[in-house]
Amino acid sequence: DARVNSRAARKRFHQPLRAFPRPRCFCGRLLIASLEERERERESESAEEGYIQLERMSSAEIGKQRMPRIVVQELTDELIRFMLLGTDVSIANALRRVIMSEVPTIAIDLVEVIENSSCLCDEFIAHRLGLIPLLSVKAAEMEFPYDYVGDDEGKTDISIDLRVKCTSDQTEDVTSNDLICNDPRVQPINYAPTRRAAGENNTSDDMDEDRGEDNGILIVKLRKNQEINFRCVARKGIARDHAKWSPVATAVYRFEPEITINEEMMNTLTEEEKIAFVDSCPVPVFRYNDQTRRGEIDTPESYTYDGECLKKAEDMGKPGLVDIRAKQDSFWFTVESTGALKPEEIVINALKVLQRKLDITKDELDNVAKEQAENFVV
């Protein structure tokens, strides 16, 4: 009996040319080998034909390829809004995924607990420390710990300490401002160190005097005589490994709408109906022009595909009053940073990562095509 019992063996027969029962005789195996050889020959011929067609392409045909471009619409310290033009949804989705999960940042990765007499367990505080956003400009100079093979720990590790003891009768808030950062370029966002974090005073009496409007990110609360003493190591990483390395709080895109008003139908509406149609949209996409007494398109980019104006047109018996279509080559991006990196740096770094991935893919495809061409020649 030549039945396939192992899972690995069954998997081999799930390939296109092996989608039939395992042969029970030597002749069957010879037939499979012959079919595989024919398939390899056909693949080599297809690769050769592809090279010939590519050589026959004129420069004009090559020039028709899409050239994506970015147009920035809004840029602040925390947010960037831009348009991605001249490409399709595959590139837009790839860019969004890279922004969310593959832009390197710095976060606390290791925590050594020396003393913890607070009400929270060690693992809970360590998790909260890891989620504190750190300024990550230095990430470009650092190495991933799983890639670095040298002995210089400064290439991968950054030391951060946390030492707080409550000596007052009031509850003490321990925040990100209490972290002792040994590298001035790697600090919590909006870092305003307290006196004890700066090494001037270790008592808690002066704590409240140091705090401004931003009290930092709360880590734990201490009562009298409770103490925490942690040694932390911050490392470079990406959000694909853990969410604490994510550089963004929001990264979304939507298709740019293409809105067209049927002017003939609009002229058949009364003034009240025109105003009701304009007001039906939750966002100010349309506006009523008092001079021309017509409904006009005001801000098409603010349309959220809610469909309310389309429903209103149907309710008024004018189903073709407005036509809204999504452009398949234009996308509105909104990227909100956590503060670890500037929003424009996040987009630029994501484009570099995506370009590197495409280069690797192209090199691998070129190698495969070259091997197939060599086999065809032989």
Foldseek 3Di string as FASTA:
>chain_A
DPADDDPVVVVVLVDPLNVDGDDPDPVVVVVSVVVVVVVLLVVLVVLVVVVVVVVPDDPVVVVPQWDWDKAWDDFDQFKTKIKIFRAFVVVVVLLLVCLFWPQKFKFWDDKDWPFFPAPDDPVLLSVVRRLQFKAGPCLVQADAPVPDDDDDCVRWKFKKKAKAAAADQDKDWDAQLRIQGPDPNIGGFPHQHACVSVVNDRYCPCRVVRDDPDPHHTRGIDGHGTITIMMTIMGMDTCVVPNSRTFFPDKDKDFQKDKDFDVVVQVVDDLVLQVVLCVQQPDRQWDADPVVSTIDGDNSRPHDPPCRSQVSCVVVVRNVRMDMDGDRGMMMIMTTGPRNDGPVVSSVSSVVVVVVVVVVVVVVVVVVSVVSNVVNVD
